[in-house]
Amino acid sequence: MDRRHFLNHGTRAALTVALIPVAACQSTADKPNAETDGGAQATAGATNTDSFALHEATVSELQDRMAKGTETARSLCEKYLDRIKALNEQGPMLRAVIETNPDALAIADKLDQERKAGKVRGPLHGIPVLIKDNIDSGDQMMTTAGSLALLGHKAKQDAFIVQKLRAAGAVLLGKTNLSEWANFRSTRSVSGWSSRGHQSRNSYVLDRSTSGSSSGSGVAVAANLCAIAIGTETDGSVVSPASCSSLVGLKPTVGLLSRSGIIPISSTQDTAGPMARTVRDAAILLGALTGPDPADPAKLPNSSPVPADYTTFLKADALTGQRLGVEKAHLNGPPAVAALFKEAIAVLKAKGATIVEVDLVKKTNPLGDAEFDVLLYEFKEGVNKYLATAGAEVRNLADVIAFNNAHAAETMPFFGQEILIDAEKTDGLNSAKYKAAVQKSVSESRKALDGILRDNKLTAIVGITNGPAWCIDWVNGDYSTGVSFSSPAAMAGYPHLTVPMGAVLGLPVGISFVGPAYQEGQLLALGYAYEQASKKRVVPKMLPTVVA
């Protein structure tokens, strides 16, 4: 959940407390608990990323190395685990990985034996993958949503998408840190911070936010701690950290991927999604995760079969003849970011797309209050159901709130739990208030998107994913950097792809492609064509601060 969405709406007084940006990032030495929360001074050039043997390696390149025998699944895991050890809790202290899998090397050995026997399950065979720590894995690792209230909780079985991942031959390398409770805990939260994992740090500029809530997944992929990772999104939690880490991030149509075994916020908006350094890698991971789950029936109707291989959509000329809507408000956004956007639009035109200016955010911004109400109601319902059978010491949301109060020094050193408390006060999904909020948020957002797409004969709508990463500020919390595009697709449950668009003073920014339900293949095609024409992925330098 990306809390900045609500800041950008500016419609809830309680959620606009941190709109004024600080002029410069405060020294972590001036903050409480600086040593335990990433306050150690990091230096530029702490790691020579170019010397890493798997630097920027794609899934296809890793497969080629294993096919040639120059690498094995075990050697890949060992190299990534060594890199995690070097960068996660020492050096730049990225704090992207919350736990590594003690079974990873044993799993890799079995997959190597299969390869020797002539069995290769597919493009993910032997590929190490990190998953967000709100996704169940039925192994030795915990599933905690970053919360100390769930410390020690081990899931009874894999989430459905983790079952799919293992069946595809991937190696579950570990779990990533996140904004605690997927950033649905406080109006003054700091993205990338959890009481269990502490503060994740942006691998481009270490005193800047990772965004959230899939903070660790974004940092891990960007910093080459893995090739690909899985995040989850309710509103912005895949695409925003992907944008801030110069990644490709895809929030699929709600219902395309199972949510079974994922600690929830909203049954209306939640979905897992791939995070990768290239569109092709995101397409490969998406294909491995899809599949019907009887325990989580799709929320949106779909008359077309789900593609088995999304890489078949990837063509360099996919922009030719396409009509794309461009969010008009973003053309007048923060000057440096708007300049990148205009350059990107020029690339789209040069590759054969017709551009039509549209006003989407004007139609969807007024829906923010209704969306927030939906999330409050569904969070309580979903978390109570999850915890009732999870086997954790806390059995419901009230227990979580009580635990945090009893351990406030550890769980709430920087911000509180107002959102948890407000969610606990809700009176159930039969409430007239809840039903009205769902009707407004979902129906009106779909009406706005469908209408603009239909009336202008558009394949997709394009915008700036979000502004550059803001300063990590444990005093005031997150603040807006002026632009965001996650909410329309999030509320509607429609797919949203972000692709690197460039950087401002070393801080990455992404371009978004939003389309109709179940058109992931088309969005990936558009994103791939733009990616191949622009080549805007930026490699992180782990600078201590912005150098102007």
Protein backbone atom coordinates (compact mmCIF):
# COMPACT_ATOMS: atom_id res chain seq x y z
CA MET A 1 0.00 0.00 0.00
CA ASP A 2 1.52 3.34 -1.05
CA ARG A 3 0.45 5.91 1.54
CA ARG A 4 1.66 8.73 -0.73
CA HIS A 5 -1.44 8.09 -2.82
CA PHE A 6 -3.51 9.65 -0.05
CA LEU A 7 -1.08 12.52 0.36
CA ASN A 8 -1.45 13.34 -3.32
CA HIS A 9 -5.23 13.35 -3.06
CA GLY A 10 -5.03 15.84 -0.19
CA THR A 11 -8.63 15.07 0.75
CA ARG A 12 -8.14 13.68 4.25
CA ALA A 13 -6.73 16.17 6.73
CA ALA A 14 -5.26 13.40 8.84
CA LEU A 15 -3.28 12.15 5.88
CA THR A 16 -1.73 15.43 4.74
CA VAL A 17 0.61 15.97 7.64
CA ALA A 18 3.82 15.61 5.63
CA LEU A 19 3.18 17.41 2.35
CA ILE A 20 5.94 20.00 2.85
CA PRO A 21 9.20 18.50 1.56
CA VAL A 22 12.37 18.99 3.55
CA ALA A 23 15.11 20.90 1.80
CA ALA A 24 17.71 18.24 2.41
CA CYS A 25 17.74 14.83 3.99
CA GLN A 26 18.48 14.94 7.69
CA SER A 27 21.53 13.13 8.95
CA THR A 28 20.62 9.75 10.35
CA ALA A 29 23.00 10.53 13.19
CA ASP A 30 20.43 13.07 14.44
CA LYS A 31 17.65 10.50 14.65
CA PRO A 32 16.73 8.16 17.51
CA ASN A 33 17.97 4.58 17.23
CA ALA A 34 20.14 5.59 14.29
CA GLU A 35 22.52 2.69 14.72
CA THR A 36 19.79 0.04 14.66
CA ASP A 37 17.86 1.67 11.83
CA GLY A 38 20.47 2.10 9.15
CA GLY A 39 22.22 5.09 10.69
CA ALA A 40 25.75 3.86 10.09
CA GLN A 41 27.52 6.21 7.71
CA ALA A 42 27.64 4.73 4.23
CA THR A 43 30.08 5.95 1.65
CA ALA A 44 29.90 6.30 -2.09
CA GLY A 45 31.64 3.52 -3.93
CA ALA A 46 31.30 1.12 -1.01
CA THR A 47 30.81 -1.62 -3.56
CA ASN A 48 32.10 -1.90 -7.10
CA THR A 49 28.89 -3.23 -8.66
CA ASP A 50 30.53 -3.82 -12.04
CA SER A 51 32.83 -6.46 -10.53
CA PHE A 52 29.95 -8.67 -9.40
CA ALA A 53 29.88 -11.81 -11.53
CA LEU A 54 26.11 -11.65 -12.00
CA HIS A 55 25.90 -7.88 -12.45
CA GLU A 56 22.64 -6.96 -14.27
CA ALA A 57 22.30 -10.58 -15.49
CA THR A 58 18.88 -11.40 -16.95
CA VAL A 59 16.97 -14.63 -16.48
CA SER A 60 17.85 -15.69 -20.04
CA GLU A 61 21.53 -14.97 -19.47
CA LEU A 62 21.53 -17.00 -16.26
CA GLN A 63 19.80 -19.86 -18.07
CA ASP A 64 22.41 -19.71 -20.82
CA ARG A 65 25.21 -19.93 -18.28
CA MET A 66 23.63 -22.95 -16.61
CA ALA A 67 23.04 -24.61 -19.98
CA LYS A 68 26.72 -24.13 -20.85
CA GLY A 69 27.83 -25.37 -17.45
CA THR A 70 29.61 -22.17 -16.46
CA GLU A 71 27.12 -21.73 -13.62
CA THR A 72 24.77 -23.98 -11.69
CA ALA A 73 21.70 -23.21 -9.62
CA ARG A 74 23.91 -23.69 -6.56
CA SER A 75 26.62 -21.33 -7.80
CA LEU A 76 24.03 -18.68 -8.62
CA CYS A 77 22.54 -18.97 -5.15
CA GLU A 78 25.98 -18.82 -3.53
CA LYS A 79 26.90 -15.69 -5.45
CA TYR A 80 23.65 -13.91 -4.61
CA LEU A 81 23.85 -15.00 -0.96
CA ASP A 82 27.40 -13.66 -0.75
CA ARG A 83 26.25 -10.37 -2.24
CA ILE A 84 23.36 -10.15 0.21
CA LYS A 85 25.82 -10.73 3.03
CA ALA A 86 28.08 -7.97 1.72
CA LEU A 87 25.43 -5.30 1.11
CA ASN A 88 22.46 -6.05 3.34
CA GLU A 89 23.75 -5.64 6.92
CA GLN A 90 27.16 -4.14 6.23
CA GLY A 91 28.64 -1.75 3.69
CA PRO A 92 25.71 0.38 2.49
CA MET A 93 23.37 -1.55 4.81
CA LEU A 94 20.56 -1.82 2.29
CA ARG A 95 18.37 -3.91 4.60
CA ALA A 96 16.49 -5.21 1.57
CA VAL A 97 16.42 -8.87 2.63
CA ILE A 98 14.72 -9.69 5.92
CA GLU A 99 15.66 -13.40 5.93
CA THR A 100 17.48 -15.86 3.67
CA ASN A 101 16.27 -19.39 3.09
CA PRO A 102 18.35 -22.04 4.89
CA ASP A 103 17.03 -24.58 2.36
CA ALA A 104 18.09 -22.60 -0.73
CA LEU A 105 21.27 -24.51 -1.54
CA ALA A 106 19.61 -27.89 -1.02
CA ILE A 107 16.80 -26.87 -3.38
CA ALA A 108 19.38 -25.67 -5.90
CA ASP A 109 21.24 -28.99 -5.71
CA LYS A 110 18.06 -30.92 -6.53
CA LEU A 111 17.36 -28.68 -9.50
CA ASP A 112 20.92 -29.13 -10.72
CA GLN A 113 20.44 -32.89 -10.53
CA GLU A 114 17.28 -32.56 -12.61
CA ARG A 115 19.16 -30.55 -15.22
CA LYS A 116 21.90 -33.18 -15.39
CA ALA A 117 19.21 -35.79 -15.93
CA GLY A 118 17.86 -33.81 -18.88
CA LYS A 119 14.87 -32.23 -17.14
CA VAL A 120 14.53 -28.46 -17.34
CA ARG A 121 11.18 -27.27 -16.08
CA GLY A 122 11.19 -23.95 -17.92
CA PRO A 123 12.78 -20.51 -18.00
CA LEU A 124 12.88 -20.22 -14.19
CA HIS A 125 14.62 -23.56 -13.59
CA GLY A 126 17.38 -22.87 -11.06
CA ILE A 127 16.77 -19.11 -10.92
CA PRO A 128 17.01 -17.62 -7.40
CA VAL A 129 13.96 -15.48 -6.53
CA LEU A 130 13.19 -13.30 -3.51
CA ILE A 131 9.63 -12.80 -2.26
CA LYS A 132 8.08 -10.17 -0.02
CA ASP A 133 7.67 -11.03 3.66
CA ASN A 134 3.88 -10.97 3.56
CA ILE A 135 3.77 -14.06 1.33
CA ASP A 136 3.52 -17.47 3.01
CA SER A 137 6.21 -20.06 2.48
CA GLY A 138 5.71 -23.45 4.11
CA ASP A 139 9.35 -23.85 5.09
CA GLN A 140 11.80 -22.68 7.77
CA MET A 141 11.29 -18.99 6.97
CA MET A 142 8.86 -16.75 8.82
CA THR A 143 6.01 -14.71 7.35
CA THR A 144 5.59 -11.54 9.39
CA ALA A 145 4.60 -8.54 7.20
CA GLY A 146 7.61 -6.95 8.92
CA SER A 147 5.80 -6.90 12.26
CA LEU A 148 7.28 -8.02 15.57
CA ALA A 149 3.78 -9.13 16.47
CA LEU A 150 4.23 -12.00 14.00
CA LEU A 151 7.85 -12.78 14.83
CA GLY A 152 8.28 -16.55 14.90
CA HIS A 153 5.23 -17.23 12.72
CA LYS A 154 5.91 -19.91 10.12
CA ALA A 155 3.20 -20.62 7.58
CA LYS A 156 1.70 -24.09 7.43
CA GLN A 157 1.94 -24.20 3.64
CA ASP A 158 3.12 -22.22 0.63
CA ALA A 159 1.00 -19.42 -0.79
CA PHE A 160 -0.50 -20.52 -4.12
CA ILE A 161 1.92 -18.34 -6.10
CA VAL A 162 4.85 -19.81 -4.16
CA GLN A 163 3.64 -23.29 -5.14
CA LYS A 164 3.64 -22.10 -8.74
CA LEU A 165 7.10 -20.64 -8.31
CA ARG A 166 8.52 -23.88 -6.95
CA ALA A 167 6.81 -25.92 -9.66
CA ALA A 168 8.47 -23.71 -12.26
CA GLY A 169 11.87 -24.64 -10.85
CA ALA A 170 12.71 -21.35 -9.13
CA VAL A 171 14.84 -21.35 -5.98
CA LEU A 172 13.23 -19.45 -3.12
CA LEU A 173 16.29 -17.52 -1.97
CA GLY A 174 14.72 -15.56 0.85
CA LYS A 175 12.24 -12.89 1.83
CA THR A 176 12.40 -9.14 1.47
CA ASN A 177 11.79 -6.35 3.93
CA LEU A 178 8.72 -4.16 3.46
CA SER A 179 6.91 -1.18 4.89
CA GLU A 180 5.33 -2.81 7.95
CA TRP A 181 1.82 -4.20 7.36
CA ALA A 182 2.30 -3.19 3.72
CA ASN A 183 2.37 0.49 4.75
CA PHE A 184 -1.15 0.33 6.17
CA ARG A 185 -0.32 1.17 9.77
CA SER A 186 0.11 4.91 10.25
CA THR A 187 -0.58 8.27 8.63
CA ARG A 188 3.03 9.25 9.40
CA SER A 189 4.74 6.06 8.26
CA VAL A 190 8.19 5.83 6.74
CA SER A 191 8.26 3.64 3.63
CA GLY A 192 10.69 0.76 3.82
CA TRP A 193 10.72 0.61 7.62
CA SER A 194 9.47 -2.34 9.63
CA SER A 195 9.92 -3.18 13.29
CA ARG A 196 11.39 -6.53 12.28
CA GLY A 197 13.58 -5.52 9.34
CA HIS A 198 14.31 -1.86 10.20
CA GLN A 199 14.99 0.69 7.44
CA SER A 200 15.55 -0.40 3.86
CA ARG A 201 17.73 2.06 1.96
CA ASN A 202 17.55 3.23 -1.64
CA SER A 203 20.49 1.78 -3.55
CA TYR A 204 20.75 4.88 -5.75
CA VAL A 205 20.98 7.47 -2.98
CA LEU A 206 21.12 5.92 0.45
CA ASP A 207 19.36 8.69 2.38
CA ARG A 208 16.38 8.61 0.00
CA SER A 209 13.28 6.47 0.37
CA THR A 210 12.87 3.07 -1.20
CA SER A 211 9.15 3.84 -1.51
CA GLY A 212 6.84 1.04 -0.52
CA SER A 213 5.49 -1.20 0.47
CA SER A 214 7.47 -3.69 -1.66
CA SER A 215 10.58 -1.81 -0.60
CA GLY A 216 12.99 -4.68 -0.13
CA SER A 217 11.95 -6.39 -3.35
CA GLY A 218 12.69 -3.21 -5.29
CA VAL A 219 16.05 -2.60 -3.66
CA ALA A 220 17.09 -6.25 -3.96
CA VAL A 221 16.51 -6.41 -7.71
CA ALA A 222 18.02 -2.98 -8.35
CA ALA A 223 21.17 -3.81 -6.36
CA ASN A 224 21.56 -7.25 -7.95
CA LEU A 225 20.85 -9.22 -4.78
CA CYS A 226 18.70 -11.39 -7.06
CA ALA A 227 17.61 -11.44 -10.68
CA ILE A 228 13.87 -11.08 -10.04
CA ALA A 229 11.54 -10.66 -7.08
CA ILE A 230 7.88 -10.64 -6.16
CA GLY A 231 6.12 -7.72 -4.55
CA THR A 232 2.49 -7.09 -3.66
CA GLU A 233 0.33 -4.06 -4.34
CA THR A 234 -2.87 -2.54 -3.05
CA ASP A 235 -2.20 0.95 -4.41
CA GLY A 236 1.29 1.69 -5.70
CA SER A 237 3.23 -0.87 -3.69
CA VAL A 238 4.79 -2.58 -6.71
CA VAL A 239 4.97 0.22 -9.24
CA SER A 240 6.19 2.97 -6.90
CA PRO A 241 9.23 1.14 -5.46
CA ALA A 242 9.96 -0.16 -8.97
CA SER A 243 9.93 3.40 -10.29
CA CYS A 244 12.23 4.57 -7.48
CA SER A 245 14.69 1.75 -8.25
CA SER A 246 14.78 2.00 -12.06
CA LEU A 247 12.91 -1.28 -12.43
CA VAL A 248 10.12 -2.82 -14.40
CA GLY A 249 7.17 -3.48 -12.10
CA LEU A 250 3.82 -4.95 -13.03
CA LYS A 251 0.63 -4.79 -11.00
CA PRO A 252 -1.56 -7.36 -12.76
CA THR A 253 -5.33 -7.33 -13.06
CA VAL A 254 -6.84 -8.22 -9.68
CA GLY A 255 -7.62 -11.92 -9.91
CA LEU A 256 -4.96 -12.88 -12.47
CA LEU A 257 -2.67 -14.07 -9.65
CA SER A 258 -3.93 -15.88 -6.58
CA ARG A 259 -3.91 -14.03 -3.26
CA SER A 260 -4.23 -17.20 -1.14
CA GLY A 261 -1.55 -17.24 1.52
CA ILE A 262 -0.74 -13.53 1.28
CA ILE A 263 -1.35 -11.31 4.31
CA PRO A 264 -4.07 -9.03 2.99
CA ILE A 265 -5.14 -5.43 2.95
CA SER A 266 -7.98 -5.45 0.44
CA SER A 267 -9.82 -8.23 -1.35
CA THR A 268 -10.90 -5.60 -3.86
CA GLN A 269 -7.44 -4.29 -4.76
CA ASP A 270 -4.69 -6.68 -3.58
CA THR A 271 -2.44 -8.53 -6.00
CA ALA A 272 1.11 -9.83 -6.16
CA GLY A 273 3.29 -8.73 -9.06
CA PRO A 274 6.72 -9.23 -10.64
CA MET A 275 9.64 -6.82 -10.18
CA ALA A 276 12.58 -7.12 -12.56
CA ARG A 277 15.29 -5.18 -14.37
CA THR A 278 13.83 -5.87 -17.82
CA VAL A 279 10.38 -6.21 -19.33
CA ARG A 280 11.24 -9.70 -20.58
CA ASP A 281 12.15 -10.91 -17.09
CA ALA A 282 8.90 -9.46 -15.71
CA ALA A 283 6.98 -11.28 -18.46
CA ILE A 284 8.73 -14.57 -17.67
CA LEU A 285 7.94 -14.30 -13.96
CA LEU A 286 4.33 -13.30 -14.60
CA GLY A 287 3.77 -16.37 -16.77
CA ALA A 288 5.07 -18.65 -14.03
CA LEU A 289 2.74 -17.19 -11.39
CA THR A 290 -0.59 -17.30 -13.21
CA GLY A 291 -3.11 -20.08 -12.78
CA PRO A 292 -6.60 -20.62 -11.36
CA ASP A 293 -6.88 -21.05 -7.60
CA PRO A 294 -10.24 -22.36 -6.31
CA ALA A 295 -9.52 -20.68 -2.97
CA ASP A 296 -9.31 -17.27 -4.63
CA PRO A 297 -11.71 -16.91 -7.56
CA ALA A 298 -10.96 -14.04 -9.92
CA LYS A 299 -12.76 -10.80 -9.12
CA LEU A 300 -13.05 -9.53 -12.70
CA PRO A 301 -14.72 -11.30 -15.63
CA ASN A 302 -12.40 -12.55 -18.34
CA SER A 303 -13.66 -14.00 -21.61
CA SER A 304 -10.19 -14.67 -23.04
CA PRO A 305 -7.82 -17.47 -22.04
CA VAL A 306 -4.85 -16.45 -19.92
CA PRO A 307 -1.63 -16.57 -21.99
CA ALA A 308 0.79 -19.33 -21.09
CA ASP A 309 3.81 -17.28 -22.20
CA TYR A 310 3.77 -13.50 -21.98
CA THR A 311 7.12 -13.19 -23.77
CA THR A 312 5.33 -13.88 -27.08
CA PHE A 313 3.92 -10.33 -26.86
CA LEU A 314 7.36 -8.72 -26.77
CA LYS A 315 8.09 -7.09 -30.11
CA ALA A 316 10.27 -4.04 -30.67
CA ASP A 317 7.72 -2.54 -33.11
CA ALA A 318 4.72 -2.97 -30.81
CA LEU A 319 4.14 0.80 -30.57
CA THR A 320 3.52 1.16 -34.28
CA GLY A 321 -0.07 2.13 -35.00
CA GLN A 322 -1.09 2.30 -31.30
CA ARG A 323 -3.15 5.15 -29.85
CA LEU A 324 -1.99 6.10 -26.38
CA GLY A 325 -3.58 8.52 -23.95
CA VAL A 326 -1.16 10.80 -22.10
CA GLU A 327 -2.17 12.13 -18.69
CA LYS A 328 -2.41 15.88 -19.29
CA ALA A 329 -1.76 16.86 -15.66
CA HIS A 330 1.65 15.18 -15.75
CA LEU A 331 2.84 17.38 -18.62
CA ASN A 332 2.82 20.25 -16.12
CA GLY A 333 4.24 18.31 -13.18
CA PRO A 334 7.55 19.04 -11.42
CA PRO A 335 9.74 20.52 -14.21
CA ALA A 336 12.61 18.02 -14.21
CA VAL A 337 10.22 15.05 -14.10
CA ALA A 338 7.89 16.55 -16.69
CA ALA A 339 10.89 17.00 -18.98
CA LEU A 340 11.67 13.29 -18.74
CA PHE A 341 8.02 12.53 -19.50
CA LYS A 342 8.03 14.72 -22.59
CA GLU A 343 11.19 13.00 -23.81
CA ALA A 344 9.48 9.64 -23.31
CA ILE A 345 6.43 10.81 -25.25
CA ALA A 346 8.73 11.82 -28.10
CA VAL A 347 10.12 8.26 -28.12
CA LEU A 348 6.60 6.82 -28.23
CA LYS A 349 5.76 9.04 -31.19
CA ALA A 350 9.00 8.21 -32.97
CA LYS A 351 8.19 4.50 -32.66
CA GLY A 352 4.83 4.99 -34.36
CA ALA A 353 2.34 5.74 -31.58
CA THR A 354 -0.38 8.36 -31.85
CA ILE A 355 -0.65 10.49 -28.70
CA VAL A 356 -3.91 11.85 -27.29
CA GLU A 357 -3.98 14.05 -24.17
CA VAL A 358 -6.49 12.88 -21.56
CA ASP A 359 -7.69 13.89 -18.07
CA LEU A 360 -7.83 10.72 -15.98
CA VAL A 361 -6.59 11.82 -12.55
CA LYS A 362 -9.13 14.66 -12.51
CA LYS A 363 -11.85 12.00 -12.58
CA THR A 364 -10.27 9.57 -10.10
CA ASN A 365 -8.71 11.89 -7.47
CA PRO A 366 -12.09 12.62 -5.83
CA LEU A 367 -12.50 8.88 -5.15
CA GLY A 368 -9.68 8.75 -2.60
CA ASP A 369 -11.83 8.94 0.52
CA ALA A 370 -14.04 6.11 -0.69
CA GLU A 371 -11.01 3.98 -1.53
CA PHE A 372 -9.53 4.50 1.92
CA ASP A 373 -12.79 3.46 3.56
CA VAL A 374 -12.84 0.28 1.45
CA LEU A 375 -9.32 -0.56 2.61
CA LEU A 376 -10.10 0.06 6.29
CA TYR A 377 -13.08 -2.30 6.22
CA GLU A 378 -11.41 -5.00 4.14
CA PHE A 379 -8.16 -4.90 6.08
CA LYS A 380 -9.87 -5.80 9.34
CA GLU A 381 -11.90 -8.53 7.65
CA GLY A 382 -8.94 -9.99 5.78
CA VAL A 383 -6.37 -9.84 8.58
CA ASN A 384 -8.78 -11.38 11.07
CA LYS A 385 -9.44 -14.27 8.69
CA TYR A 386 -5.72 -14.76 8.00
CA LEU A 387 -4.68 -14.66 11.66
CA ALA A 388 -7.55 -16.89 12.83
CA THR A 389 -5.98 -19.90 11.11
CA ALA A 390 -2.33 -18.87 10.78
CA GLY A 391 -1.23 -20.32 14.10
CA ALA A 392 0.51 -17.10 15.17
CA GLU A 393 0.38 -15.85 18.77
CA VAL A 394 -1.74 -12.90 17.69
CA ARG A 395 -5.13 -14.14 16.49
CA ASN A 396 -6.77 -10.97 15.21
CA LEU A 397 -6.22 -7.28 14.53
CA ALA A 398 -7.10 -6.33 18.11
CA ASP A 399 -4.30 -8.59 19.33
CA VAL A 400 -1.85 -6.88 16.96
CA ILE A 401 -2.82 -3.45 18.28
CA ALA A 402 -2.45 -4.67 21.86
CA PHE A 403 0.94 -6.21 21.10
CA ASN A 404 2.20 -2.95 19.59
CA ASN A 405 1.00 -0.99 22.62
CA ALA A 406 2.75 -3.42 24.96
CA HIS A 407 6.00 -3.21 22.97
CA ALA A 408 5.79 0.41 21.86
CA ALA A 409 9.51 1.16 22.17
CA GLU A 410 10.33 -1.54 19.62
CA THR A 411 7.28 -1.37 17.37
CA MET A 412 6.47 2.36 17.36
CA PRO A 413 9.71 4.34 17.80
CA PHE A 414 8.93 6.69 14.89
CA PHE A 415 5.21 6.48 14.10
CA GLY A 416 2.06 4.98 15.53
CA GLN A 417 -0.74 2.68 14.43
CA GLU A 418 -3.68 5.03 13.79
CA ILE A 419 -4.73 3.18 10.65
CA LEU A 420 -4.84 -0.16 12.48
CA ILE A 421 -6.98 1.43 15.17
CA ASP A 422 -9.34 2.98 12.62
CA ALA A 423 -9.65 -0.35 10.82
CA GLU A 424 -10.49 -2.12 14.09
CA LYS A 425 -13.36 0.33 14.63
CA THR A 426 -15.11 -0.65 11.36
CA ASP A 427 -18.37 -2.57 11.68
CA GLY A 428 -18.16 -5.28 9.02
CA LEU A 429 -18.67 -5.77 5.31
CA ASN A 430 -22.46 -5.62 5.63
CA SER A 431 -22.15 -1.97 6.61
CA ALA A 432 -23.97 0.51 4.37
CA LYS A 433 -20.90 2.78 4.54
CA TYR A 434 -18.65 0.01 3.24
CA LYS A 435 -21.00 -0.96 0.42
CA ALA A 436 -21.34 2.67 -0.67
CA ALA A 437 -17.56 3.10 -0.61
CA VAL A 438 -16.98 0.02 -2.76
CA GLN A 439 -19.60 1.16 -5.24
CA LYS A 440 -18.04 4.60 -5.53
CA SER A 441 -14.37 3.60 -5.59
CA VAL A 442 -14.59 0.62 -7.92
CA SER A 443 -17.44 1.60 -10.21
CA GLU A 444 -16.42 5.20 -10.73
CA SER A 445 -12.74 4.39 -11.34
CA ARG A 446 -13.66 1.73 -13.91
CA LYS A 447 -16.14 4.10 -15.51
CA ALA A 448 -13.43 6.76 -15.83
CA LEU A 449 -10.82 4.40 -17.25
CA ASP A 450 -13.17 2.52 -19.57
CA GLY A 451 -14.70 5.74 -20.83
CA ILE A 452 -11.40 7.39 -21.70
CA LEU A 453 -10.05 4.23 -23.34
CA ARG A 454 -13.25 3.69 -25.34
CA ASP A 455 -14.03 7.27 -26.33
CA ASN A 456 -10.50 7.92 -27.56
CA LYS A 457 -9.95 4.44 -29.03
CA LEU A 458 -6.85 3.98 -26.88
CA THR A 459 -4.75 0.89 -26.24
CA ALA A 460 -3.43 2.31 -22.96
CA ILE A 461 -3.02 5.46 -20.88
CA VAL A 462 0.48 6.73 -20.08
CA GLY A 463 1.66 8.78 -17.12
CA ILE A 464 4.53 9.41 -14.71
CA THR A 465 4.58 6.55 -12.20
CA ASN A 466 5.67 8.85 -9.36
CA GLY A 467 8.21 11.54 -8.61
CA PRO A 468 11.81 10.89 -7.52
CA ALA A 469 12.41 9.31 -4.14
CA TRP A 470 11.93 11.65 -1.18
CA CYS A 471 14.18 11.86 1.87
CA ILE A 472 13.91 9.23 4.58
CA ASP A 473 12.41 11.29 7.39
CA TRP A 474 11.70 9.49 10.66
CA VAL A 475 10.41 12.73 12.23
CA ASN A 476 7.72 13.74 9.73
CA GLY A 477 7.22 10.55 7.71
CA ASP A 478 6.81 10.27 3.95
CA TYR A 479 5.93 13.24 1.82
CA SER A 480 4.82 13.75 -1.77
CA THR A 481 7.24 14.66 -4.54
CA GLY A 482 4.47 16.02 -6.69
CA VAL A 483 3.07 13.31 -8.95
CA SER A 484 1.67 9.77 -8.76
CA PHE A 485 -0.29 7.53 -11.14
CA SER A 486 -0.99 4.38 -9.16
CA SER A 487 -4.53 5.01 -7.95
CA PRO A 488 -6.69 4.79 -11.10
CA ALA A 489 -5.59 1.25 -11.95
CA ALA A 490 -5.47 0.24 -8.27
CA MET A 491 -9.07 1.23 -7.57
CA ALA A 492 -10.33 -0.29 -10.82
CA GLY A 493 -8.33 -3.49 -10.39
CA TYR A 494 -6.78 -2.98 -13.84
CA PRO A 495 -3.17 -3.75 -14.88
CA HIS A 496 -0.40 -1.18 -14.49
CA LEU A 497 3.15 -1.50 -15.83
CA THR A 498 6.04 0.82 -14.99
CA VAL A 499 9.27 0.96 -17.01
CA PRO A 500 12.40 3.06 -16.33
CA MET A 501 12.13 6.55 -17.88
CA GLY A 502 15.39 8.12 -16.66
CA ALA A 503 16.61 9.88 -13.54
CA VAL A 504 16.69 13.29 -11.87
CA LEU A 505 19.97 13.97 -10.04
CA GLY A 506 20.54 10.22 -9.87
CA LEU A 507 17.03 9.42 -8.61
CA PRO A 508 15.10 7.11 -10.99
CA VAL A 509 11.64 7.83 -12.37
CA GLY A 510 9.34 5.43 -14.23
CA ILE A 511 6.77 5.76 -16.99
CA SER A 512 3.42 4.02 -16.51
CA PHE A 513 1.24 2.10 -18.97
CA VAL A 514 -2.32 1.43 -17.74
CA GLY A 515 -4.87 -0.58 -19.72
CA PRO A 516 -8.06 -2.63 -19.52
CA ALA A 517 -8.50 -5.75 -17.40
CA TYR A 518 -6.38 -8.75 -18.40
CA GLN A 519 -4.41 -6.82 -21.04
CA GLU A 520 -1.06 -7.51 -19.38
CA GLY A 521 0.30 -8.86 -22.66
CA GLN A 522 -0.50 -5.65 -24.50
CA LEU A 523 1.00 -3.48 -21.76
CA LEU A 524 4.15 -5.60 -21.69
CA ALA A 525 4.38 -5.22 -25.47
CA LEU A 526 4.15 -1.43 -25.24
CA GLY A 527 6.60 -1.31 -22.36
CA TYR A 528 9.05 -3.58 -24.15
CA ALA A 529 8.99 -1.46 -27.31
CA TYR A 530 9.59 1.67 -25.24
CA GLU A 531 12.34 -0.03 -23.22
CA GLN A 532 14.17 -1.20 -26.33
CA ALA A 533 13.96 2.23 -27.92
CA SER A 534 14.95 4.23 -24.84
CA LYS A 535 17.28 2.03 -22.71
CA LYS A 536 16.70 4.12 -19.58
CA ARG A 537 17.56 1.57 -16.89
CA VAL A 538 20.09 3.20 -14.54
CA VAL A 539 22.54 1.14 -12.47
CA PRO A 540 22.69 2.15 -8.78
CA LYS A 541 25.83 3.79 -7.40
CA MET A 542 24.84 3.75 -3.70
CA LEU A 543 25.69 7.43 -3.22
CA PRO A 544 25.41 8.76 0.34
CA THR A 545 23.24 11.72 -0.73
CA VAL A 546 22.15 13.66 -3.80
CA VAL A 547 25.04 15.50 -5.40
CA ALA A 548 23.81 18.59 -7.25
